[in-house]
Structures are given as structure tokens and as C-alpha cells.
N, C-alpha and C. Protein backbone atom coordinates (compact mmCIF):
# COMPACT_ATOMS: atom_id res chain seq x y z
N MET A 1 87.42 122.39 103.11
CA MET A 1 87.56 121.88 101.48
C MET A 1 85.54 121.88 101.37
N GLU A 2 85.33 122.11 100.19
CA GLU A 2 84.01 122.52 99.80
C GLU A 2 83.41 121.21 99.49
N MET A 3 82.47 121.06 99.83
CA MET A 3 81.55 119.67 99.23
C MET A 3 81.15 119.68 97.69
N ILE A 4 81.90 118.75 97.23
CA ILE A 4 81.62 118.19 96.14
C ILE A 4 80.03 117.34 96.12
N PRO A 5 79.04 118.36 94.96
CA PRO A 5 77.61 117.96 94.59
C PRO A 5 78.20 115.92 94.66
N LYS A 6 76.96 115.07 94.98
CA LYS A 6 76.82 113.71 94.42
C LYS A 6 75.97 113.18 93.18
N ASP A 7 74.75 113.92 93.16
CA ASP A 7 74.38 113.90 91.86
C ASP A 7 74.99 114.12 90.97
N PRO A 8 75.20 113.52 89.65
CA PRO A 8 75.70 113.92 88.46
C PRO A 8 75.14 115.51 88.09
N TYR A 9 73.80 115.90 87.82
CA TYR A 9 73.43 116.68 87.27
C TYR A 9 73.17 117.96 87.69
N ILE A 10 73.76 117.94 89.38
CA ILE A 10 73.80 118.70 90.37
C ILE A 10 75.53 119.20 90.35
N LEU A 11 76.36 118.43 89.89
CA LEU A 11 77.57 118.57 89.85
C LEU A 11 77.82 119.03 88.70
N LEU A 12 77.42 119.15 87.53
CA LEU A 12 77.68 119.72 86.26
C LEU A 12 77.60 121.22 86.09
N GLY A 13 76.33 121.19 87.09
CA GLY A 13 76.21 123.07 87.07
C GLY A 13 77.14 123.31 88.34
N PHE A 14 77.68 122.63 88.65
CA PHE A 14 78.84 123.35 90.13
C PHE A 14 79.89 123.81 89.70
N ILE A 15 80.34 121.76 88.50
CA ILE A 15 81.57 122.76 88.44
C ILE A 15 81.49 123.28 87.59
N ASN A 16 80.69 123.52 86.20
CA ASN A 16 80.37 124.67 84.97
C ASN A 16 80.60 125.62 85.76
N LEU A 17 79.90 126.20 86.59
CA LEU A 17 79.88 127.27 87.60
C LEU A 17 80.89 127.81 88.12
N LYS A 18 81.89 126.70 88.55
CA LYS A 18 83.39 127.09 88.92
C LYS A 18 84.21 127.51 88.31
N LEU A 19 84.06 126.45 86.90
CA LEU A 19 84.85 126.88 85.75
C LEU A 19 85.02 128.55 85.27
N ARG A 20 83.43 129.00 85.17
CA ARG A 20 82.94 130.36 84.59
C ARG A 20 83.34 131.31 85.40
N ASP A 21 82.96 131.20 86.81
CA ASP A 21 83.33 131.86 87.59
C ASP A 21 84.81 132.08 88.06
N TYR A 22 85.15 131.32 87.91
CA TYR A 22 86.80 131.43 88.89
C TYR A 22 87.83 130.97 87.92
N GLN A 23 87.58 130.55 86.73
CA GLN A 23 88.47 130.83 85.32
C GLN A 23 89.51 129.55 85.82
N PHE A 24 88.82 128.58 86.37
CA PHE A 24 90.22 127.51 86.70
C PHE A 24 89.63 126.67 85.62
N ASP A 25 91.38 125.78 85.10
CA ASP A 25 91.00 124.90 84.04
C ASP A 25 90.39 123.53 85.27
N LEU A 26 90.16 122.64 84.48
CA LEU A 26 89.43 121.47 85.34
C LEU A 26 90.70 120.69 86.27
N GLU A 27 91.89 120.90 85.71
CA GLU A 27 93.13 120.41 86.41
C GLU A 27 93.23 121.34 87.94
N GLY A 28 93.24 122.68 87.33
CA GLY A 28 93.29 124.13 88.48
C GLY A 28 92.26 123.82 89.59
N LEU A 29 90.82 123.52 89.19
CA LEU A 29 89.29 122.96 89.98
C LEU A 29 89.61 122.06 90.84
N CYS A 30 90.21 120.51 90.25
CA CYS A 30 89.89 119.72 91.04
C CYS A 30 91.06 119.56 92.10
N GLU A 31 92.31 120.63 91.54
CA GLU A 31 93.46 120.71 92.86
C GLU A 31 92.55 121.37 94.03
N ASP A 32 91.90 122.26 93.45
CA ASP A 32 91.70 123.41 94.50
C ASP A 32 90.42 122.91 95.48
N LEU A 33 89.48 121.58 95.10
CA LEU A 33 88.40 121.31 95.69
C LEU A 33 89.08 119.77 96.06
N GLY A 34 90.33 119.33 95.74
CA GLY A 34 90.41 117.93 96.66
C GLY A 34 90.20 116.79 95.75
N ALA A 35 89.97 117.30 94.21
CA ALA A 35 89.24 115.55 94.31
C ALA A 35 89.80 115.28 92.69
N GLU A 36 89.86 114.58 92.15
CA GLU A 36 90.33 113.83 90.97
C GLU A 36 89.91 114.14 89.81
N PRO A 37 90.46 114.80 89.11
CA PRO A 37 89.75 115.12 87.39
C PRO A 37 88.96 114.21 86.71
N ALA A 38 89.51 112.67 86.58
CA ALA A 38 89.51 111.24 86.06
C ALA A 38 87.93 110.91 87.16
N GLU A 39 87.93 110.93 88.60
CA GLU A 39 86.49 110.69 89.11
C GLU A 39 85.34 111.65 88.34
N ILE A 40 85.35 112.78 87.68
CA ILE A 40 84.84 114.32 87.91
C ILE A 40 84.38 113.65 86.46
N THR A 41 85.32 113.74 85.86
CA THR A 41 84.88 113.61 84.24
C THR A 41 84.39 111.73 84.08
N GLU A 42 84.61 111.47 84.70
CA GLU A 42 84.04 109.79 84.37
C GLU A 42 82.20 110.08 85.19
N LYS A 43 82.31 111.09 86.34
CA LYS A 43 80.91 110.74 86.43
C LYS A 43 80.08 111.50 85.48
N LEU A 44 80.41 112.56 85.13
CA LEU A 44 79.75 113.36 83.67
C LEU A 44 79.45 112.86 82.75
N ALA A 45 80.30 112.03 82.51
CA ALA A 45 80.97 110.99 81.37
C ALA A 45 79.00 110.04 81.23
N GLY A 46 78.97 109.76 82.54
CA GLY A 46 77.67 109.07 82.70
C GLY A 46 76.46 109.52 82.50
N ILE A 47 76.45 111.09 82.34
CA ILE A 47 75.08 111.69 81.88
C ILE A 47 75.44 112.51 80.54
N GLY A 48 76.56 111.62 79.72
CA GLY A 48 77.21 112.56 78.70
C GLY A 48 77.33 113.55 78.26
N CYS A 49 78.31 114.42 79.16
CA CYS A 49 79.11 115.17 78.86
C CYS A 49 80.22 115.30 79.02
N ARG A 50 80.74 115.98 78.32
CA ARG A 50 82.54 115.48 78.37
C ARG A 50 82.99 117.43 78.33
N TYR A 51 84.18 116.70 79.04
CA TYR A 51 84.97 118.31 78.96
C TYR A 51 85.55 118.77 77.74
N ASP A 52 85.31 120.23 77.40
CA ASP A 52 85.62 120.82 76.27
C ASP A 52 86.57 122.19 76.79
N ARG A 53 88.15 121.77 76.53
CA ARG A 53 88.44 122.32 77.12
C ARG A 53 89.03 123.60 76.62
N GLU A 54 88.86 123.93 75.16
CA GLU A 54 88.48 125.24 74.40
C GLU A 54 87.48 125.98 75.16
N ARG A 55 86.33 125.18 75.27
CA ARG A 55 85.09 126.23 75.91
C ARG A 55 85.77 126.17 77.79
N ASN A 56 86.62 125.75 78.05
CA ASN A 56 86.44 125.45 79.03
C ASN A 56 85.42 124.85 80.44
N GLN A 57 84.37 124.36 79.64
CA GLN A 57 83.01 123.40 79.98
C GLN A 57 83.01 122.17 80.00
N PHE A 58 81.99 121.79 80.61
CA PHE A 58 81.41 120.28 80.51
C PHE A 58 80.38 120.61 79.03
N VAL A 59 80.07 119.88 78.29
CA VAL A 59 79.36 119.97 77.14
C VAL A 59 78.72 118.35 77.06
């Protein structure tokens, strides 16, 4: 299992990199990482980011 960054700004880059390079959707990526999509989404919402399904990235 890969370590998921705790800092929300580092997490943002980490998640967007994974979404871009491996072309997962958020649910598939979280399944692969053993994480909950709601937890990731809430943490990134705390820095003003939301998941854009059409772009497949947090903006």
C-alpha cells in the first residue's frame, strides 16, 4: 500500500498526478490506494478544491 500524503497541498499534487498518469477515476484510484473517496474529497475541500469528474482532477 502506498503512503498517502497528510498535507492537503501535497495530497492535491499526489492525487492529480495519479489521476493523470494512471487514468483512474477517483473511485478506482481510492480503491487502489486503500483510501475512502469521501476522506480525500473532504480533505481537499478544506483547501478549496473539488473533484471535477469531466477533467478527472481536483481543481
